[in-house]
PDB file of N, CA and C in Angstrom:
ATOM      1  N   MET A   1       0.825  -1.188   0.000  1.00  0.00           N
ATOM      2  CA  MET A   1       0.000   0.000   0.000  1.00  0.00           C
ATOM      3  C   MET A   1       0.870   1.253   0.000  1.00  0.00           C
ATOM      4  N   VAL A   2       2.009   1.182   0.655  1.00  0.00           N
ATOM      5  CA  VAL A   2       2.923   2.324   0.663  1.00  0.00           C
ATOM      6  C   VAL A   2       3.430   2.594  -0.756  1.00  0.00           C
ATOM      7  N   SER A   3       3.751   1.539  -1.483  1.00  0.00           N
ATOM      8  CA  SER A   3       4.212   1.701  -2.866  1.00  0.00           C
ATOM      9  C   SER A   3       3.116   2.301  -3.745  1.00  0.00           C
ATOM     10  N   LEU A   4       1.884   1.881  -3.525  1.00  0.00           N
ATOM     11  CA  LEU A   4       0.757   2.432  -4.274  1.00  0.00           C
ATOM     12  C   LEU A   4       0.592   3.918  -3.960  1.00  0.00           C
ATOM     13  N   PHE A   5       0.660   4.272  -2.674  1.00  0.00           N
ATOM     14  CA  PHE A   5       0.571   5.679  -2.275  1.00  0.00           C
ATOM     15  C   PHE A   5       1.678   6.484  -2.938  1.00  0.00           C
ATOM     16  N   ASN A   6       2.895   5.958  -2.876  1.00  0.00           N
ATOM     17  CA  ASN A   6       4.043   6.642  -3.464  1.00  0.00           C
ATOM     18  C   ASN A   6       3.861   6.813  -4.972  1.00  0.00           C
ATOM     19  N   GLN A   7       3.398   5.789  -5.639  1.00  0.00           N
ATOM     20  CA  GLN A   7       3.190   5.852  -7.088  1.00  0.00           C
ATOM     21  C   GLN A   7       2.150   6.903  -7.454  1.00  0.00           C
ATOM     22  N   ARG A   8       1.110   7.001  -6.660  1.00  0.00           N
ATOM     23  CA  ARG A   8       0.026   7.932  -6.974  1.00  0.00           C
ATOM     24  C   ARG A   8       0.323   9.390  -6.613  1.00  0.00           C
ATOM     25  N   TYR A   9       1.088   9.625  -5.530  1.00  0.00           N
ATOM     26  CA  TYR A   9       1.158  10.981  -5.004  1.00  0.00           C
ATOM     27  C   TYR A   9       2.545  11.595  -4.906  1.00  0.00           C
ATOM     28  N   ASN A  10       3.601  10.836  -5.087  1.00  0.00           N
ATOM     29  CA  ASN A  10       4.942  11.422  -5.025  1.00  0.00           C
ATOM     30  C   ASN A  10       5.200  12.169  -6.331  1.00  0.00           C
ATOM     31  N   PRO A  11       5.421  13.481  -6.261  1.00  0.00           N
ATOM     32  CA  PRO A  11       5.616  14.260  -7.485  1.00  0.00           C
ATOM     33  C   PRO A  11       6.907  13.898  -8.227  1.00  0.00           C
ATOM     34  N   LYS A  12       7.827  13.215  -7.582  1.00  0.00           N
ATOM     35  CA  LYS A  12       9.080  12.836  -8.239  1.00  0.00           C
ATOM     36  C   LYS A  12       8.976  11.500  -8.971  1.00  0.00           C
ATOM     37  N   VAL A  13       7.847  10.823  -8.818  1.00  0.00           N
ATOM     38  CA  VAL A  13       7.639   9.537  -9.478  1.00  0.00           C
ATOM     39  C   VAL A  13       6.750   9.758 -10.693  1.00  0.00           C
ATOM     40  N   ARG A  14       7.176   9.242 -11.833  1.00  0.00           N
ATOM     41  CA  ARG A  14       6.379   9.363 -13.050  1.00  0.00           C
ATOM     42  C   ARG A  14       5.157   8.449 -12.922  1.00  0.00           C
ATOM     43  N   ARG A  15       3.978   9.035 -13.006  1.00  0.00           N
ATOM     44  CA  ARG A  15       2.743   8.259 -12.844  1.00  0.00           C
ATOM     45  C   ARG A  15       2.546   7.322 -14.013  1.00  0.00           C
ATOM     46  N   SER A  16       2.133   6.126 -13.679  1.00  0.00           N
ATOM     47  CA  SER A  16       1.854   5.112 -14.683  1.00  0.00           C
ATOM     48  C   SER A  16       0.609   4.351 -14.252  1.00  0.00           C
ATOM     49  N   LYS A  17      -0.405   4.421 -15.079  1.00  0.00           N
ATOM     50  CA  LYS A  17      -1.664   3.744 -14.753  1.00  0.00           C
ATOM     51  C   LYS A  17      -1.457   2.239 -14.650  1.00  0.00           C
ATOM     52  N   SER A  18      -0.616   1.681 -15.517  1.00  0.00           N
ATOM     53  CA  SER A  18      -0.395   0.230 -15.473  1.00  0.00           C
ATOM     54  C   SER A  18       0.329  -0.184 -14.197  1.00  0.00           C
ATOM     55  N   VAL A  19       1.266   0.643 -13.728  1.00  0.00           N
ATOM     56  CA  VAL A  19       1.970   0.345 -12.475  1.00  0.00           C
ATOM     57  C   VAL A  19       0.988   0.423 -11.311  1.00  0.00           C
ATOM     58  N   GLU A  20       0.135   1.449 -11.322  1.00  0.00           N
ATOM     59  CA  GLU A  20      -0.879   1.571 -10.269  1.00  0.00           C
ATOM     60  C   GLU A  20      -1.808   0.366 -10.259  1.00  0.00           C
ATOM     61  N   GLU A  21      -2.255  -0.057 -11.427  1.00  0.00           N
ATOM     62  CA  GLU A  21      -3.159  -1.207 -11.502  1.00  0.00           C
ATOM     63  C   GLU A  21      -2.475  -2.480 -11.018  1.00  0.00           C
ATOM     64  N   THR A  22      -1.195  -2.648 -11.349  1.00  0.00           N
ATOM     65  CA  THR A  22      -0.444  -3.815 -10.887  1.00  0.00           C
ATOM     66  C   THR A  22      -0.309  -3.806  -9.370  1.00  0.00           C
ATOM     67  N   LEU A  23       0.048  -2.647  -8.804  1.00  0.00           N
ATOM     68  CA  LEU A  23       0.188  -2.540  -7.355  1.00  0.00           C
ATOM     69  C   LEU A  23      -1.152  -2.794  -6.662  1.00  0.00           C
ATOM     70  N   LEU A  24      -2.211  -2.247  -7.215  1.00  0.00           N
ATOM     71  CA  LEU A  24      -3.533  -2.435  -6.634  1.00  0.00           C
ATOM     72  C   LEU A  24      -3.950  -3.907  -6.672  1.00  0.00           C
ATOM     73  N   SER A  25      -3.691  -4.577  -7.772  1.00  0.00           N
ATOM     74  CA  SER A  25      -4.053  -5.997  -7.850  1.00  0.00           C
ATOM     75  C   SER A  25      -3.228  -6.830  -6.875  1.00  0.00           C
ATOM     76  N   GLU A  26      -1.963  -6.453  -6.656  1.00  0.00           N
ATOM     77  CA  GLU A  26      -1.130  -7.153  -5.674  1.00  0.00           C
ATOM     78  C   GLU A  26      -1.685  -6.977  -4.261  1.00  0.00           C
ATOM     79  N   VAL A  27      -2.092  -5.763  -3.933  1.00  0.00           N
ATOM     80  CA  VAL A  27      -2.667  -5.509  -2.612  1.00  0.00           C
ATOM     81  C   VAL A  27      -3.934  -6.333  -2.430  1.00  0.00           C
ATOM     82  N   LYS A  28      -4.803  -6.327  -3.436  1.00  0.00           N
ATOM     83  CA  LYS A  28      -6.055  -7.079  -3.341  1.00  0.00           C
ATOM     84  C   LYS A  28      -5.799  -8.576  -3.243  1.00  0.00           C
ATOM     85  N   LYS A  29      -4.783  -9.060  -3.937  1.00  0.00           N
ATOM     86  CA  LYS A  29      -4.446 -10.481  -3.867  1.00  0.00           C
ATOM     87  C   LYS A  29      -4.027 -10.852  -2.446  1.00  0.00           C
ATOM     88  N   HIS A  30      -3.227 -10.000  -1.822  1.00  0.00           N
ATOM     89  CA  HIS A  30      -2.786 -10.262  -0.456  1.00  0.00           C
ATOM     90  C   HIS A  30      -3.931 -10.116   0.546  1.00  0.00           C
ATOM     91  N   LEU A  31      -4.891  -9.265   0.248  1.00  0.00           N
ATOM     92  CA  LEU A  31      -6.046  -9.106   1.134  1.00  0.00           C
ATOM     93  C   LEU A  31      -6.860 -10.391   1.237  1.00  0.00           C
ATOM     94  N   ASP A  32      -6.841 -11.183   0.192  1.00  0.00           N
ATOM     95  CA  ASP A  32      -7.573 -12.447   0.223  1.00  0.00           C
ATOM     96  C   ASP A  32      -7.016 -13.402   1.275  1.00  0.00           C
ATOM     97  N   ASN A  33      -5.781 -13.165   1.710  1.00  0.00           N
ATOM     98  CA  ASN A  33      -5.142 -14.038   2.699  1.00  0.00           C
ATOM     99  C   ASN A  33      -5.272 -13.537   4.131  1.00  0.00           C
ATOM    100  N   VAL A  34      -5.928 -12.399   4.329  1.00  0.00           N
ATOM    101  CA  VAL A  34      -6.118 -11.875   5.684  1.00  0.00           C
ATOM    102  C   VAL A  34      -7.208 -12.703   6.359  1.00  0.00           C
ATOM    103  N   SER A  35      -6.856 -13.316   7.466  1.00  0.00           N
ATOM    104  CA  SER A  35      -7.800 -14.251   8.097  1.00  0.00           C
ATOM    105  C   SER A  35      -8.765 -13.579   9.076  1.00  0.00           C
ATOM    106  N   ASN A  36      -8.366 -12.457   9.646  1.00  0.00           N
ATOM    107  CA  ASN A  36      -9.215 -11.776  10.623  1.00  0.00           C
ATOM    108  C   ASN A  36     -10.096 -10.756   9.905  1.00  0.00           C
ATOM    109  N   LEU A  37     -11.400 -10.872  10.074  1.00  0.00           N
ATOM    110  CA  LEU A  37     -12.337  -9.994   9.378  1.00  0.00           C
ATOM    111  C   LEU A  37     -12.140  -8.521   9.747  1.00  0.00           C
ATOM    112  N   ASP A  38     -11.883  -8.232  11.008  1.00  0.00           N
ATOM    113  CA  ASP A  38     -11.656  -6.846  11.418  1.00  0.00           C
ATOM    114  C   ASP A  38     -10.407  -6.278  10.747  1.00  0.00           C
ATOM    115  N   ASP A  39      -9.336  -7.065  10.707  1.00  0.00           N
ATOM    116  CA  ASP A  39      -8.115  -6.622  10.042  1.00  0.00           C
ATOM    117  C   ASP A  39      -8.366  -6.361   8.560  1.00  0.00           C
ATOM    118  N   ASP A  40      -9.131  -7.243   7.938  1.00  0.00           N
ATOM    119  CA  ASP A  40      -9.460  -7.089   6.530  1.00  0.00           C
ATOM    120  C   ASP A  40     -10.201  -5.764   6.291  1.00  0.00           C
ATOM    121  N   ARG A  41     -11.179  -5.481   7.112  1.00  0.00           N
ATOM    122  CA  ARG A  41     -11.946  -4.234   6.970  1.00  0.00           C
ATOM    123  C   ARG A  41     -11.069  -3.007   7.156  1.00  0.00           C
ATOM    124  N   ILE A  42     -10.207  -3.051   8.153  1.00  0.00           N
ATOM    125  CA  ILE A  42      -9.326  -1.907   8.424  1.00  0.00           C
ATOM    126  C   ILE A  42      -8.401  -1.665   7.244  1.00  0.00           C
ATOM    127  N   ILE A  43      -7.790  -2.715   6.754  1.00  0.00           N
ATOM    128  CA  ILE A  43      -6.861  -2.570   5.622  1.00  0.00           C
ATOM    129  C   ILE A  43      -7.604  -2.070   4.386  1.00  0.00           C
ATOM    130  N   ARG A  44      -8.792  -2.585   4.144  1.00  0.00           N
ATOM    131  CA  ARG A  44      -9.568  -2.137   2.985  1.00  0.00           C
ATOM    132  C   ARG A  44      -9.971  -0.664   3.106  1.00  0.00           C
ATOM    133  N   ARG A  45     -10.233  -0.193   4.314  1.00  0.00           N
ATOM    134  CA  ARG A  45     -10.559   1.233   4.486  1.00  0.00           C
ATOM    135  C   ARG A  45      -9.333   2.107   4.207  1.00  0.00           C
ATOM    136  N   TYR A  46      -8.158   1.642   4.626  1.00  0.00           N
ATOM    137  CA  TYR A  46      -6.931   2.373   4.275  1.00  0.00           C
ATOM    138  C   TYR A  46      -6.751   2.408   2.756  1.00  0.00           C
ATOM    139  N   LEU A  47      -7.000   1.301   2.116  1.00  0.00           N
ATOM    140  CA  LEU A  47      -6.896   1.251   0.661  1.00  0.00           C
ATOM    141  C   LEU A  47      -7.906   2.201   0.024  1.00  0.00           C
ATOM    142  N   ASP A  48      -9.134   2.206   0.534  1.00  0.00           N
ATOM    143  CA  ASP A  48     -10.153   3.140   0.040  1.00  0.00           C
ATOM    144  C   ASP A  48      -9.690   4.587   0.202  1.00  0.00           C
ATOM    145  N   LEU A  49      -9.070   4.875   1.324  1.00  0.00           N
ATOM    146  CA  LEU A  49      -8.582   6.232   1.580  1.00  0.00           C
ATOM    147  C   LEU A  49      -7.514   6.627   0.562  1.00  0.00           C
ATOM    148  N   ILE A  50      -6.584   5.729   0.297  1.00  0.00           N
ATOM    149  CA  ILE A  50      -5.537   6.008  -0.691  1.00  0.00           C
ATOM    150  C   ILE A  50      -6.152   6.253  -2.066  1.00  0.00           C
ATOM    151  N   LEU A  51      -7.105   5.422  -2.449  1.00  0.00           N
ATOM    152  CA  LEU A  51      -7.714   5.551  -3.765  1.00  0.00           C
ATOM    153  C   LEU A  51      -8.629   6.766  -3.878  1.00  0.00           C
ATOM    154  N   ALA A  52      -9.195   7.219  -2.763  1.00  0.00           N
ATOM    155  CA  ALA A  52     -10.120   8.350  -2.789  1.00  0.00           C
ATOM    156  C   ALA A  52      -9.413   9.693  -2.704  1.00  0.00           C
ATOM    157  N   THR A  53      -8.178   9.687  -2.266  1.00  0.00           N
ATOM    158  CA  THR A  53      -7.445  10.937  -2.113  1.00  0.00           C
ATOM    159  C   THR A  53      -7.158  11.539  -3.482  1.00  0.00           C
ATOM    160  N   THR A  54      -7.482  12.808  -3.636  1.00  0.00           N
ATOM    161  CA  THR A  54      -7.214  13.468  -4.913  1.00  0.00           C
ATOM    162  C   THR A  54      -6.109  14.504  -4.794  1.00  0.00           C
ATOM    163  N   ARG A  55      -5.789  14.864  -3.574  1.00  0.00           N
ATOM    164  CA  ARG A  55      -4.757  15.874  -3.369  1.00  0.00           C
ATOM    165  C   ARG A  55      -4.108  15.618  -2.018  1.00  0.00           C
ATOM    166  N   THR A  56      -2.805  15.837  -1.943  1.00  0.00           N
ATOM    167  CA  THR A  56      -2.107  15.608  -0.689  1.00  0.00           C
ATOM    168  C   THR A  56      -1.017  16.650  -0.489  1.00  0.00           C
ATOM    169  N   ASN A  57      -0.712  16.925   0.762  1.00  0.00           N
ATOM    170  CA  ASN A  57       0.395  17.810   1.073  1.00  0.00           C
ATOM    171  C   ASN A  57       1.511  17.023   1.752  1.00  0.00           C
ATOM    172  N   PHE A  58       1.526  15.699   1.572  1.00  0.00           N
ATOM    173  CA  PHE A  58       2.521  14.839   2.211  1.00  0.00           C
ATOM    174  C   PHE A  58       3.933  15.193   1.769  1.00  0.00           C
ATOM    175  N   TYR A  59       4.121  15.478   0.483  1.00  0.00           N
ATOM    176  CA  TYR A  59       5.447  15.806  -0.046  1.00  0.00           C
ATOM    177  C   TYR A  59       5.566  17.325  -0.155  1.00  0.00           C
ATOM    178  N   GLN A  60       6.362  17.900   0.720  1.00  0.00           N
ATOM    179  CA  GLN A  60       6.547  19.339   0.751  1.00  0.00           C
ATOM    180  C   GLN A  60       8.038  19.668   0.736  1.00  0.00           C
ATOM    181  N   SER A  61       8.369  20.880   0.340  1.00  0.00           N
ATOM    182  CA  SER A  61       9.748  21.366   0.384  1.00  0.00           C
ATOM    183  C   SER A  61       9.800  22.609   1.255  1.00  0.00           C
ATOM    184  N   ASP A  62      10.939  22.781   1.951  1.00  0.00           N
ATOM    185  CA  ASP A  62      11.104  24.004   2.727  1.00  0.00           C
ATOM    186  C   ASP A  62      11.620  25.111   1.810  1.00  0.00           C
ATOM    187  N   ALA A  63      11.924  26.276   2.373  1.00  0.00           N
ATOM    188  CA  ALA A  63      12.347  27.433   1.581  1.00  0.00           C
ATOM    189  C   ALA A  63      13.626  27.170   0.791  1.00  0.00           C
ATOM    190  N   GLN A  64      14.482  26.273   1.277  1.00  0.00           N
ATOM    191  CA  GLN A  64      15.727  25.952   0.585  1.00  0.00           C
ATOM    192  C   GLN A  64      15.556  24.814  -0.422  1.00  0.00           C
ATOM    193  N   GLY A  65      14.370  24.275  -0.544  1.00  0.00           N
ATOM    194  CA  GLY A  65      14.115  23.196  -1.477  1.00  0.00           C
ATOM    195  C   GLY A  65      14.354  21.809  -0.917  1.00  0.00           C
ATOM    196  N   ASN A  66      14.649  21.722   0.387  1.00  0.00           N
ATOM    197  CA  ASN A  66      14.849  20.423   1.027  1.00  0.00           C
ATOM    198  C   ASN A  66      13.507  19.765   1.305  1.00  0.00           C
ATOM    199  N   GLU A  67      13.459  18.451   1.129  1.00  0.00           N
ATOM    200  CA  GLU A  67      12.218  17.732   1.395  1.00  0.00           C
ATOM    201  C   GLU A  67      11.941  17.680   2.897  1.00  0.00           C
ATOM    202  N   VAL A  68      10.718  17.923   3.269  1.00  0.00           N
ATOM    203  CA  VAL A  68      10.286  17.795   4.654  1.00  0.00           C
ATOM    204  C   VAL A  68       9.006  16.988   4.680  1.00  0.00           C
ATOM    205  N   LEU A  69       8.774  16.295   5.763  1.00  0.00           N
ATOM    206  CA  LEU A  69       7.572  15.505   5.925  1.00  0.00           C
ATOM    207  C   LEU A  69       6.507  16.377   6.565  1.00  0.00           C
ATOM    208  N   CYS A  70       5.407  16.568   5.878  1.00  0.00           N
ATOM    209  CA  CYS A  70       4.323  17.403   6.387  1.00  0.00           C
ATOM    210  C   CYS A  70       3.102  16.531   6.594  1.00  0.00           C
ATOM    211  N   LEU A  71       2.740  16.301   7.836  1.00  0.00           N
ATOM    212  CA  LEU A  71       1.605  15.443   8.140  1.00  0.00           C
ATOM    213  C   LEU A  71       0.327  16.210   8.426  1.00  0.00           C
ATOM    214  N   ILE A  72       0.388  17.509   8.396  1.00  0.00           N
ATOM    215  CA  ILE A  72      -0.810  18.308   8.689  1.00  0.00           C
ATOM    216  C   ILE A  72      -1.429  18.791   7.408  1.00  0.00           C
TER     217      ILE A  72
END
């Protein structure tokens, strides 16, 4: 899921629909092996959140152009 997030929202990564689809299918394939129903629901909601996000401020630069992590 981290790779999918990175592929979709990191401005330094060239977006590729086929790469996104491959990553998404891999995540879904692994979800089939989650044995606990609550865990499955939680993971699927995180996946829904990643797929529903249209804009993010996760990747930010400071005044000098250095990358900083912005969680707000």
